[in-house]
Amino acid sequence: MKRKFVEYISSITPLSKEEEELMLESYPIKQFNKGDYILEEG
């Protein structure tokens, strides 16, 4: 999943290896199951 994110961004603008690594470290990717609540009250 993380690789797809980097590939998508790379299709828009070229990224160096350092930029790819920085993106993977800076933006955690979470997967949710159907029915999970992403936002909670409070």
N, C-alpha and C. Protein backbone atom coordinates (compact mmCIF):
# COMPACT_ATOMS: atom_id res chain seq x y z
N MET A 1 0.82 -1.19 0.00
CA MET A 1 0.00 0.00 0.00
C MET A 1 0.87 1.26 0.00
N LYS A 2 1.90 1.25 0.82
CA LYS A 2 2.79 2.42 0.87
C LYS A 2 3.46 2.65 -0.47
N ARG A 3 3.84 1.55 -1.10
CA ARG A 3 4.53 1.67 -2.39
C ARG A 3 3.61 2.29 -3.44
N LYS A 4 2.32 1.94 -3.41
CA LYS A 4 1.36 2.51 -4.35
C LYS A 4 1.25 4.02 -4.17
N PHE A 5 1.29 4.46 -2.91
CA PHE A 5 1.23 5.89 -2.62
C PHE A 5 2.41 6.62 -3.25
N VAL A 6 3.60 6.08 -3.06
CA VAL A 6 4.80 6.71 -3.62
C VAL A 6 4.76 6.66 -5.15
N GLU A 7 4.30 5.57 -5.71
CA GLU A 7 4.21 5.46 -7.17
C GLU A 7 3.23 6.49 -7.74
N TYR A 8 2.12 6.69 -7.04
CA TYR A 8 1.14 7.67 -7.50
C TYR A 8 1.73 9.08 -7.49
N ILE A 9 2.37 9.45 -6.39
CA ILE A 9 2.98 10.78 -6.30
C ILE A 9 4.09 10.92 -7.35
N SER A 10 4.84 9.85 -7.57
CA SER A 10 5.92 9.88 -8.57
C SER A 10 5.38 10.06 -9.98
N SER A 11 4.15 9.62 -10.22
CA SER A 11 3.56 9.79 -11.55
C SER A 11 3.20 11.26 -11.81
N ILE A 12 3.03 12.02 -10.73
CA ILE A 12 2.70 13.44 -10.86
C ILE A 12 3.97 14.28 -10.94
N THR A 13 4.93 13.97 -10.08
CA THR A 13 6.19 14.72 -10.05
C THR A 13 7.33 13.77 -9.70
N PRO A 14 8.46 13.90 -10.34
CA PRO A 14 9.59 13.01 -10.03
C PRO A 14 10.07 13.19 -8.59
N LEU A 15 10.40 12.08 -7.94
CA LEU A 15 10.91 12.12 -6.57
C LEU A 15 12.28 11.45 -6.50
N SER A 16 13.15 12.03 -5.69
CA SER A 16 14.44 11.38 -5.45
C SER A 16 14.21 10.27 -4.41
N LYS A 17 15.19 9.43 -4.24
CA LYS A 17 15.10 8.35 -3.24
C LYS A 17 14.93 8.91 -1.84
N GLU A 18 15.62 10.02 -1.56
CA GLU A 18 15.51 10.66 -0.25
C GLU A 18 14.09 11.16 0.00
N GLU A 19 13.49 11.75 -1.04
CA GLU A 19 12.12 12.25 -0.92
C GLU A 19 11.13 11.11 -0.71
N GLU A 20 11.34 10.00 -1.41
CA GLU A 20 10.47 8.84 -1.23
C GLU A 20 10.54 8.33 0.20
N GLU A 21 11.75 8.22 0.73
CA GLU A 21 11.92 7.74 2.11
C GLU A 21 11.28 8.69 3.11
N LEU A 22 11.45 9.99 2.88
CA LEU A 22 10.86 10.98 3.76
C LEU A 22 9.34 10.88 3.76
N MET A 23 8.75 10.69 2.60
CA MET A 23 7.29 10.56 2.50
C MET A 23 6.81 9.32 3.25
N LEU A 24 7.51 8.21 3.09
CA LEU A 24 7.10 6.98 3.74
C LEU A 24 7.20 7.10 5.26
N GLU A 25 8.18 7.85 5.75
CA GLU A 25 8.34 8.04 7.19
C GLU A 25 7.35 9.06 7.75
N SER A 26 7.01 10.08 6.95
CA SER A 26 6.22 11.20 7.44
C SER A 26 4.71 10.98 7.39
N TYR A 27 4.25 10.15 6.48
CA TYR A 27 2.81 9.97 6.30
C TYR A 27 2.42 8.53 6.58
N PRO A 28 2.02 8.24 7.81
CA PRO A 28 1.60 6.86 8.10
C PRO A 28 0.31 6.53 7.35
N ILE A 29 0.26 5.37 6.77
CA ILE A 29 -0.92 4.93 6.03
C ILE A 29 -1.63 3.87 6.86
N LYS A 30 -2.90 4.12 7.14
CA LYS A 30 -3.69 3.19 7.94
C LYS A 30 -4.79 2.60 7.08
N GLN A 31 -5.08 1.35 7.31
CA GLN A 31 -6.18 0.69 6.63
C GLN A 31 -7.31 0.47 7.62
N PHE A 32 -8.53 0.66 7.16
CA PHE A 32 -9.69 0.50 8.01
C PHE A 32 -10.60 -0.58 7.44
N ASN A 33 -11.23 -1.30 8.33
CA ASN A 33 -12.19 -2.31 7.93
C ASN A 33 -13.54 -1.67 7.71
N LYS A 34 -14.36 -2.31 6.93
CA LYS A 34 -15.70 -1.81 6.68
C LYS A 34 -16.44 -1.72 8.00
N GLY A 35 -17.08 -0.59 8.25
CA GLY A 35 -17.82 -0.40 9.48
C GLY A 35 -17.04 0.27 10.59
N ASP A 36 -15.73 0.44 10.42
CA ASP A 36 -14.90 1.11 11.42
C ASP A 36 -15.21 2.60 11.42
N TYR A 37 -15.13 3.22 12.58
CA TYR A 37 -15.31 4.65 12.71
C TYR A 37 -13.95 5.32 12.62
N ILE A 38 -13.83 6.26 11.70
CA ILE A 38 -12.57 6.98 11.53
C ILE A 38 -12.53 8.18 12.47
N LEU A 39 -13.63 8.88 12.59
CA LEU A 39 -13.73 10.02 13.49
C LEU A 39 -14.62 9.65 14.67
N GLU A 40 -14.24 10.08 15.84
CA GLU A 40 -15.02 9.81 17.04
C GLU A 40 -15.39 11.11 17.72
N GLU A 41 -16.51 11.11 18.41
CA GLU A 41 -16.95 12.28 19.15
C GLU A 41 -15.99 12.61 20.27
N GLY A 42 -15.81 13.90 20.53
CA GLY A 42 -15.03 14.31 21.69
C GLY A 42 -13.68 14.73 21.32
